[in-house]
Every structure is written in structure tokens, then in C-alpha cells.
C-alpha atoms as a PDB file:
ATOM      1  CA  MET A   1       9.133  15.302  -7.919  1.00  0.00           C
ATOM      2  CA  ILE A   2      11.392  12.718  -6.563  1.00  0.00           C
ATOM      3  CA  GLU A   3      15.121  14.109  -6.266  1.00  0.00           C
ATOM      4  CA  HIS A   4      17.752  12.417  -8.070  1.00  0.00           C
ATOM      5  CA  SER A   5      19.519  12.628  -5.273  1.00  0.00           C
ATOM      6  CA  THR A   6      16.558  10.501  -3.048  1.00  0.00           C
ATOM      7  CA  LEU A   7      17.072   7.503  -5.351  1.00  0.00           C
ATOM      8  CA  ASP A   8      20.864   7.921  -5.323  1.00  0.00           C
ATOM      9  CA  PHE A   9      20.469   7.610  -1.277  1.00  0.00           C
ATOM     10  CA  LEU A  10      18.457   4.625  -1.290  1.00  0.00           C
ATOM     11  CA  LYS A  11      20.990   3.242  -3.791  1.00  0.00           C
ATOM     12  CA  LYS A  12      24.132   4.144  -1.732  1.00  0.00           C
ATOM     13  CA  LEU A  13      21.920   2.991   1.823  1.00  0.00           C
ATOM     14  CA  LYS A  14      21.308  -0.550  -0.101  1.00  0.00           C
ATOM     15  CA  LYS A  15      25.065  -0.997  -0.335  1.00  0.00           C
ATOM     16  CA  ASN A  16      26.210   0.433   2.635  1.00  0.00           C
ATOM     17  CA  ASN A  17      23.845  -1.151   4.890  1.00  0.00           C
ATOM     18  CA  ASP A  18      25.171  -0.137   8.562  1.00  0.00           C
ATOM     19  CA  ARG A  19      25.202   2.114  11.483  1.00  0.00           C
ATOM     20  CA  ALA A  20      28.253   3.887  10.913  1.00  0.00           C
ATOM     21  CA  TRP A  21      27.877   4.600   7.179  1.00  0.00           C
ATOM     22  CA  PHE A  22      24.272   5.756   7.986  1.00  0.00           C
ATOM     23  CA  ASN A  23      25.442   7.792  10.704  1.00  0.00           C
ATOM     24  CA  ASP A  24      27.922   9.411   8.295  1.00  0.00           C
ATOM     25  CA  HIS A  25      25.396  10.223   5.719  1.00  0.00           C
ATOM     26  CA  LYS A  26      22.545  11.538   8.222  1.00  0.00           C
ATOM     27  CA  ASP A  27      22.194  14.985   6.352  1.00  0.00           C
ATOM     28  CA  GLU A  28      21.421  12.827   2.936  1.00  0.00           C
ATOM     29  CA  PHE A  29      18.894  10.692   4.732  1.00  0.00           C
ATOM     30  CA  ARG A  30      16.845  14.065   5.994  1.00  0.00           C
ATOM     31  CA  ASP A  31      16.929  15.429   2.898  1.00  0.00           C
ATOM     32  CA  ALA A  32      15.665  12.264   1.255  1.00  0.00           C
ATOM     33  CA  LEU A  33      12.783  11.566   3.664  1.00  0.00           C
ATOM     34  CA  ALA A  34      12.108  15.293   3.272  1.00  0.00           C
ATOM     35  CA  ASN A  35      11.373  14.863  -0.384  1.00  0.00           C
ATOM     36  CA  PHE A  36       9.374  11.989   0.162  1.00  0.00           C
ATOM     37  CA  THR A  37       7.563  13.216   2.762  1.00  0.00           C
ATOM     38  CA  ASP A  38       6.509  16.088   0.282  1.00  0.00           C
ATOM     39  CA  LEU A  39       5.397  13.520  -2.219  1.00  0.00           C
ATOM     40  CA  VAL A  40       3.030  11.596   0.608  1.00  0.00           C
ATOM     41  CA  ALA A  41       1.726  15.274   1.987  1.00  0.00           C
ATOM     42  CA  ILE A  42       0.981  15.826  -2.126  1.00  0.00           C
ATOM     43  CA  LEU A  43      -0.527  12.508  -2.558  1.00  0.00           C
ATOM     44  CA  LEU A  44      -3.064  13.312   0.620  1.00  0.00           C
ATOM     45  CA  HIS A  45      -4.162  16.276  -0.331  1.00  0.00           C
ATOM     46  CA  ASN A  46      -5.555  14.857  -3.825  1.00  0.00           C
ATOM     47  CA  ILE A  47      -6.760  11.484  -2.355  1.00  0.00           C
ATOM     48  CA  SER A  48      -8.617  13.696   0.191  1.00  0.00           C
ATOM     49  CA  GLY A  49     -10.308  15.646  -3.003  1.00  0.00           C
ATOM     50  CA  PHE A  50     -12.850  11.659  -3.746  1.00  0.00           C
ATOM     51  CA  ASP A  51     -12.172  10.350  -0.052  1.00  0.00           C
ATOM     52  CA  ASP A  52     -12.711  12.471   2.964  1.00  0.00           C
ATOM     53  CA  SER A  53     -11.764  10.196   5.557  1.00  0.00           C
ATOM     54  CA  LEU A  54      -8.106  11.196   4.296  1.00  0.00           C
ATOM     55  CA  ILE A  55      -8.682  15.205   5.278  1.00  0.00           C
ATOM     56  CA  GLY A  56      -6.420  16.632   7.804  1.00  0.00           C
ATOM     57  CA  VAL A  57      -4.147  13.111   8.039  1.00  0.00           C
ATOM     58  CA  GLN A  58      -0.586  14.448   8.256  1.00  0.00           C
ATOM     59  CA  PRO A  59       2.081  12.440   6.405  1.00  0.00           C
ATOM     60  CA  LYS A  60       3.744  12.086   9.444  1.00  0.00           C
ATOM     61  CA  GLU A  61       1.160   9.673  10.719  1.00  0.00           C
ATOM     62  CA  CYS A  62       1.222   7.845   7.225  1.00  0.00           C
ATOM     63  CA  LEU A  63       5.054   7.283   7.241  1.00  0.00           C
ATOM     64  CA  PHE A  64       6.880   4.224   8.074  1.00  0.00           C
ATOM     65  CA  ARG A  65      10.376   4.279  10.105  1.00  0.00           C
ATOM     66  CA  ILE A  66      13.738   3.455   7.966  1.00  0.00           C
ATOM     67  CA  TYR A  67      14.595   0.864  11.023  1.00  0.00           C
ATOM     68  CA  ARG A  68      14.364  -2.728  10.653  1.00  0.00           C
ATOM     69  CA  ASP A  69      13.136  -4.657  13.561  1.00  0.00           C
ATOM     70  CA  VAL A  70      15.812  -7.356  13.593  1.00  0.00           C
ATOM     71  CA  ARG A  71      15.351  -9.118  16.877  1.00  0.00           C
ATOM     72  CA  PHE A  72      13.281 -11.981  14.869  1.00  0.00           C
ATOM     73  CA  SER A  73      15.229 -12.088  11.390  1.00  0.00           C
ATOM     74  CA  LYS A  74      18.446 -13.561  10.464  1.00  0.00           C
ATOM     75  CA  ASP A  75      19.365 -10.715   8.269  1.00  0.00           C
ATOM     76  CA  LYS A  76      20.514  -8.122  10.734  1.00  0.00           C
ATOM     77  CA  SER A  77      20.552  -4.992   8.236  1.00  0.00           C
ATOM     78  CA  PRO A  78      19.859  -2.170  10.161  1.00  0.00           C
ATOM     79  CA  TYR A  79      17.838  -0.205   7.801  1.00  0.00           C
ATOM     80  CA  LYS A  80      15.024  -0.648   5.020  1.00  0.00           C
ATOM     81  CA  THR A  81      16.436   0.495   1.716  1.00  0.00           C
ATOM     82  CA  TRP A  82      12.939   2.035   0.872  1.00  0.00           C
ATOM     83  CA  PHE A  83      10.432   5.036   1.868  1.00  0.00           C
ATOM     84  CA  SER A  84       7.241   3.685   2.795  1.00  0.00           C
ATOM     85  CA  ALA A  85       3.582   5.171   3.363  1.00  0.00           C
ATOM     86  CA  SER A  86       0.137   3.890   4.405  1.00  0.00           C
ATOM     87  CA  MET A  87      -2.081   6.829   4.227  1.00  0.00           C
ATOM     88  CA  LYS A  88      -5.446   6.368   5.607  1.00  0.00           C
ATOM     89  CA  GLY A  89      -7.888   7.497   7.929  1.00  0.00           C
ATOM     90  CA  GLY A  90      -6.626   7.172  11.784  1.00  0.00           C
ATOM     91  CA  GLY A  91      -2.523   6.923  10.309  1.00  0.00           C
ATOM     92  CA  LYS A  92      -0.635   3.584   9.220  1.00  0.00           C
ATOM     93  CA  ASN A  93      -1.570   1.513  12.603  1.00  0.00           C
ATOM     94  CA  GLU A  94      -5.443   1.657  12.029  1.00  0.00           C
ATOM     95  CA  ILE A  95      -6.976  -1.254  10.001  1.00  0.00           C
ATOM     96  CA  PHE A  96      -9.146   0.756   7.914  1.00  0.00           C
ATOM     97  CA  PRO A  97      -8.716   0.074   4.448  1.00  0.00           C
ATOM     98  CA  GLY A  98      -6.341   2.757   2.492  1.00  0.00           C
ATOM     99  CA  TYR A  99      -3.513   3.142   0.248  1.00  0.00           C
ATOM    100  CA  TYR A 100       0.112   2.554   0.320  1.00  0.00           C
ATOM    101  CA  ILE A 101       3.236   3.619  -1.433  1.00  0.00           C
ATOM    102  CA  HIS A 102       6.536   2.320  -1.626  1.00  0.00           C
ATOM    103  CA  LEU A 103       9.486   3.884  -2.791  1.00  0.00           C
ATOM    104  CA  GLU A 104      12.653   1.642  -3.651  1.00  0.00           C
ATOM    105  CA  PRO A 105      14.810   1.895  -7.088  1.00  0.00           C
ATOM    106  CA  GLY A 106      13.759  -0.374  -9.363  1.00  0.00           C
ATOM    107  CA  ASN A 107      10.560  -1.613  -7.081  1.00  0.00           C
ATOM    108  CA  ILE A 108       8.411   1.363  -6.917  1.00  0.00           C
ATOM    109  CA  TYR A 109       4.653   0.259  -5.861  1.00  0.00           C
ATOM    110  CA  LEU A 110       1.296   1.486  -5.148  1.00  0.00           C
ATOM    111  CA  GLY A 111      -1.042  -0.257  -3.553  1.00  0.00           C
ATOM    112  CA  GLY A 112      -4.433  -0.228  -0.957  1.00  0.00           C
ATOM    113  CA  GLY A 113      -6.482  -2.908   0.898  1.00  0.00           C
ATOM    114  CA  VAL A 114      -6.250  -4.849   3.474  1.00  0.00           C
ATOM    115  CA  TRP A 115      -3.243  -6.651   4.393  1.00  0.00           C
ATOM    116  CA  HIS A 116      -3.094  -9.451   6.680  1.00  0.00           C
ATOM    117  CA  PRO A 117      -6.480  -8.383   8.769  1.00  0.00           C
ATOM    118  CA  GLN A 118      -6.683 -10.377  12.410  1.00  0.00           C
ATOM    119  CA  LYS A 119      -9.353 -13.591  12.280  1.00  0.00           C
ATOM    120  CA  GLU A 120     -12.383 -11.989  13.139  1.00  0.00           C
ATOM    121  CA  ILE A 121     -12.016  -8.948  10.453  1.00  0.00           C
ATOM    122  CA  LEU A 122     -10.900 -11.636   7.816  1.00  0.00           C
ATOM    123  CA  GLN A 123     -14.311 -13.286   8.975  1.00  0.00           C
ATOM    124  CA  ASN A 124     -16.101 -10.212   8.519  1.00  0.00           C
ATOM    125  CA  ILE A 125     -14.432  -9.615   5.431  1.00  0.00           C
ATOM    126  CA  ARG A 126     -16.031 -12.967   3.660  1.00  0.00           C
ATOM    127  CA  GLU A 127     -18.989 -12.863   4.874  1.00  0.00           C
ATOM    128  CA  TYR A 128     -20.040  -9.384   3.311  1.00  0.00           C
ATOM    129  CA  PHE A 129     -18.300 -10.991   0.279  1.00  0.00           C
ATOM    130  CA  VAL A 130     -21.022 -13.751   0.128  1.00  0.00           C
ATOM    131  CA  ASP A 131     -23.816 -11.164   0.816  1.00  0.00           C
ATOM    132  CA  HIS A 132     -22.625  -8.796  -1.590  1.00  0.00           C
ATOM    133  CA  HIS A 133     -20.488 -10.842  -4.572  1.00  0.00           C
ATOM    134  CA  THR A 134     -22.316  -9.213  -6.711  1.00  0.00           C
ATOM    135  CA  GLU A 135     -20.991  -5.650  -5.658  1.00  0.00           C
ATOM    136  CA  LEU A 136     -17.482  -7.066  -5.648  1.00  0.00           C
ATOM    137  CA  GLU A 137     -17.400  -8.599  -8.985  1.00  0.00           C
ATOM    138  CA  LYS A 138     -18.811  -5.355 -10.691  1.00  0.00           C
ATOM    139  CA  ILE A 139     -15.770  -3.657  -8.832  1.00  0.00           C
ATOM    140  CA  VAL A 140     -12.755  -5.919  -9.321  1.00  0.00           C
ATOM    141  CA  LEU A 141     -13.772  -7.408 -12.573  1.00  0.00           C
ATOM    142  CA  GLY A 142     -14.257  -4.230 -14.066  1.00  0.00           C
ATOM    143  CA  LYS A 143     -13.063  -2.334 -16.918  1.00  0.00           C
ATOM    144  CA  THR A 144     -11.312   0.017 -14.485  1.00  0.00           C
ATOM    145  CA  PHE A 145      -9.789  -2.049 -11.856  1.00  0.00           C
ATOM    146  CA  LYS A 146      -8.185  -4.628 -14.517  1.00  0.00           C
ATOM    147  CA  ASN A 147      -6.990  -1.581 -16.549  1.00  0.00           C
ATOM    148  CA  HIS A 148      -5.254  -0.231 -13.705  1.00  0.00           C
ATOM    149  CA  PHE A 149      -4.257  -3.364 -11.583  1.00  0.00           C
ATOM    150  CA  GLY A 150      -5.180  -6.156 -13.469  1.00  0.00           C
ATOM    151  CA  GLU A 151      -6.612  -8.283 -10.607  1.00  0.00           C
ATOM    152  CA  MET A 152      -7.168  -8.339  -6.809  1.00  0.00           C
ATOM    153  CA  GLY A 153      -4.220  -9.454  -5.131  1.00  0.00           C
ATOM    154  CA  GLY A 154      -3.144 -10.838  -2.079  1.00  0.00           C
ATOM    155  CA  GLU A 155      -1.974 -14.335  -0.220  1.00  0.00           C
ATOM    156  CA  GLN A 156      -4.825 -17.061  -0.802  1.00  0.00           C
ATOM    157  CA  LEU A 157      -5.694 -20.205   0.712  1.00  0.00           C
ATOM    158  CA  LYS A 158      -5.120 -23.325  -1.396  1.00  0.00           C
ATOM    159  CA  THR A 159      -8.692 -24.717  -0.344  1.00  0.00           C
ATOM    160  CA  ALA A 160     -11.902 -23.558   0.943  1.00  0.00           C
ATOM    161  CA  PRO A 161     -11.462 -21.424   4.449  1.00  0.00           C
ATOM    162  CA  LYS A 162     -12.676 -22.893   7.463  1.00  0.00           C
ATOM    163  CA  GLY A 163     -16.659 -23.332   7.906  1.00  0.00           C
ATOM    164  CA  TYR A 164     -17.294 -23.044   3.944  1.00  0.00           C
ATOM    165  CA  PRO A 165     -17.680 -25.746   1.645  1.00  0.00           C
ATOM    166  CA  LYS A 166     -15.076 -26.060  -1.334  1.00  0.00           C
ATOM    167  CA  ASP A 167     -17.989 -25.772  -4.122  1.00  0.00           C
ATOM    168  CA  HIS A 168     -19.190 -22.556  -2.549  1.00  0.00           C
ATOM    169  CA  PRO A 169     -20.224 -20.504  -5.116  1.00  0.00           C
ATOM    170  CA  GLN A 170     -18.079 -17.607  -4.063  1.00  0.00           C
ATOM    171  CA  ILE A 171     -14.898 -20.087  -3.225  1.00  0.00           C
ATOM    172  CA  ARG A 172     -12.823 -17.999  -5.611  1.00  0.00           C
ATOM    173  CA  TRP A 173     -13.342 -14.774  -3.562  1.00  0.00           C
ATOM    174  CA  LEU A 174     -13.445 -16.939  -0.113  1.00  0.00           C
ATOM    175  CA  ARG A 175     -10.112 -18.168  -0.401  1.00  0.00           C
ATOM    176  CA  TYR A 176      -8.147 -14.581  -0.407  1.00  0.00           C
ATOM    177  CA  LYS A 177      -6.365 -13.929   3.066  1.00  0.00           C
ATOM    178  CA  ASP A 178      -5.342 -10.448   2.101  1.00  0.00           C
ATOM    179  CA  PHE A 179      -7.555  -7.968  -0.444  1.00  0.00           C
ATOM    180  CA  LEU A 180      -5.030  -6.286  -2.241  1.00  0.00           C
ATOM    181  CA  ALA A 181      -5.268  -3.642  -5.202  1.00  0.00           C
ATOM    182  CA  GLY A 182      -1.714  -2.826  -6.702  1.00  0.00           C
ATOM    183  CA  CYS A 183       0.484  -1.872  -9.679  1.00  0.00           C
ATOM    184  CA  SER A 184       4.267  -1.439 -10.425  1.00  0.00           C
ATOM    185  CA  LYS A 185       5.420   2.142 -11.200  1.00  0.00           C
ATOM    186  CA  ASN A 186       9.049   0.890 -12.257  1.00  0.00           C
ATOM    187  CA  ASP A 187       8.118   2.113 -15.910  1.00  0.00           C
ATOM    188  CA  ILE A 188       7.343   5.516 -15.323  1.00  0.00           C
ATOM    189  CA  ASP A 189      10.094   8.354 -14.840  1.00  0.00           C
ATOM    190  CA  ILE A 190       9.486   9.175 -10.904  1.00  0.00           C
ATOM    191  CA  THR A 191      11.591  12.262 -10.743  1.00  0.00           C
ATOM    192  CA  SER A 192       8.977  13.900 -13.255  1.00  0.00           C
ATOM    193  CA  GLU A 193       6.144  16.047 -12.029  1.00  0.00           C
ATOM    194  CA  LYS A 194       3.665  13.758 -14.183  1.00  0.00           C
ATOM    195  CA  ILE A 195       3.454  11.226 -11.280  1.00  0.00           C
ATOM    196  CA  ILE A 196       1.308  13.060  -9.006  1.00  0.00           C
ATOM    197  CA  SER A 197      -1.406  12.942 -11.704  1.00  0.00           C
ATOM    198  CA  ASP A 198      -0.398   9.296 -12.811  1.00  0.00           C
ATOM    199  CA  PHE A 199      -0.430   8.072  -8.753  1.00  0.00           C
ATOM    200  CA  THR A 200      -3.948  10.315  -8.042  1.00  0.00           C
ATOM    201  CA  GLY A 201      -5.409   8.592 -11.167  1.00  0.00           C
ATOM    202  CA  ASP A 202      -4.771   5.283  -9.888  1.00  0.00           C
ATOM    203  CA  TYR A 203      -5.697   5.790  -6.298  1.00  0.00           C
ATOM    204  CA  LYS A 204      -8.737   7.269  -7.378  1.00  0.00           C
ATOM    205  CA  ALA A 205      -9.648   3.949  -9.568  1.00  0.00           C
ATOM    206  CA  MET A 206      -9.067   2.117  -6.163  1.00  0.00           C
ATOM    207  CA  PHE A 207     -11.700   4.389  -4.614  1.00  0.00           C
ATOM    208  CA  PRO A 208     -14.506   1.639  -5.211  1.00  0.00           C
ATOM    209  CA  PHE A 209     -12.463  -1.233  -4.265  1.00  0.00           C
ATOM    210  CA  ILE A 210     -11.384   0.785  -0.820  1.00  0.00           C
ATOM    211  CA  GLN A 211     -15.021   1.970   0.152  1.00  0.00           C
ATOM    212  CA  PHE A 212     -16.491  -1.791  -0.107  1.00  0.00           C
ATOM    213  CA  LEU A 213     -13.983  -2.778   2.002  1.00  0.00           C
ATOM    214  CA  ARG A 214     -14.639  -0.770   4.843  1.00  0.00           C
ATOM    215  CA  LYS A 215     -18.333  -1.129   4.183  1.00  0.00           C
ATOM    216  CA  ALA A 216     -17.273  -5.334   4.846  1.00  0.00           C
ATOM    217  CA  ILE A 217     -15.444  -4.463   7.928  1.00  0.00           C
ATOM    218  CA  ARG A 218     -18.082  -2.128   9.649  1.00  0.00           C
END
């Protein structure tokens, strides 16, 4: 589904990450981006079959720009060496929990959930976890979630968050600062059409987790 030429472009960009080279290879970039956009369009269509919040969402609303913000970075490379998209109702800039894809040679990743929520939203999620921990555990400790994603991912505090005792019954979940499900796809042939059913299956397995987080944020 992903063309070899798309992967080749990203590999070459990693070796030639400067504006002069990029400008000389703009046509290759446009072709590679179009290929990735087609993949996102298909995934949006498939995900909307079980998650109606994505109905009508367009790929352009989900794609991240390839241009890096280098203002506060020691690394002044002007371009990302990957394509990525955040697929959710309202597009990539919404807080709404959704689905993510990262395409980079040697680093292909599917994910979803909530990353770096604002303080108020983080608190809402933690409070919801306390009140609905049985439902949370049924999802993230269940066979389907474990088979696809292992365990819930995300940055965690080393101790209890402010306002909670260290021996809180749900401290295992309260330490999380991000709430993510994800899996590497480096072991499959990304150029095969089989990735569509494979990726769709992962996102469908993620859906109960996404639903749970949406309820926590409301």
C-alpha cells in the first residue's frame, strides 16, 4: 500500500536534510505525501465504520506538516524524516482522543489515546479512573488489548500525583500523565495491501479504550 518510492524518499531525506536538496526533490515529496495521504484516507474510511466520530473527517485535517519547528531546538534540521497523522473528530488539533500513525523507515507505529493533556483534562481523567477503575481494567488488562498493545503506555510520575496518597488503591493508573495504546509495525511489509486489514484491526481493538477516554474527558 505504501510505495517503495515513498520509503526511498524518506530515507534520502534523512541523509540530505537541507532546504536545497528538498527543493530539488519537491516532486518526489509530493508523490510520497500523496501516497501517505491515500493510506490515511482509507484508514479514516475503515475506522469510521466502527467509530462514527470520524465520519466526514478529511485526510488534510489529520496530516502533520513535514516542516520542523526549530526555534527552540539545537537540531536545526528543517524537515521531519517521517509522515504522520492524527485521525480524530475535528482533526489533529482537537483534544478529542483519537488514532495516530507514524510512517518512517525502520520506525512504523500505530497508536491512539491522549498525549500530554492539559492540567484540567488530566485531572478529569484521573478522577474518572478512580470512579470507573473496574471498566478501565477490563479494557487495558483484557486479552484483546494485551494481544495488540501489551499494556497502556505513556509517561508516568515516579510517585503519586498531587492530591492523592501514595497508597491509593488505583495508584497504578493515577501515575500516568499520558494515556496511550500503541504497537510497532516494523515486522510487516508496509508495501503490501494486507496492511489495511492489519491496521484496521489494531484500531478496532483500540476503540473501547478510546471510548473510555472520551467519557473521561467529557
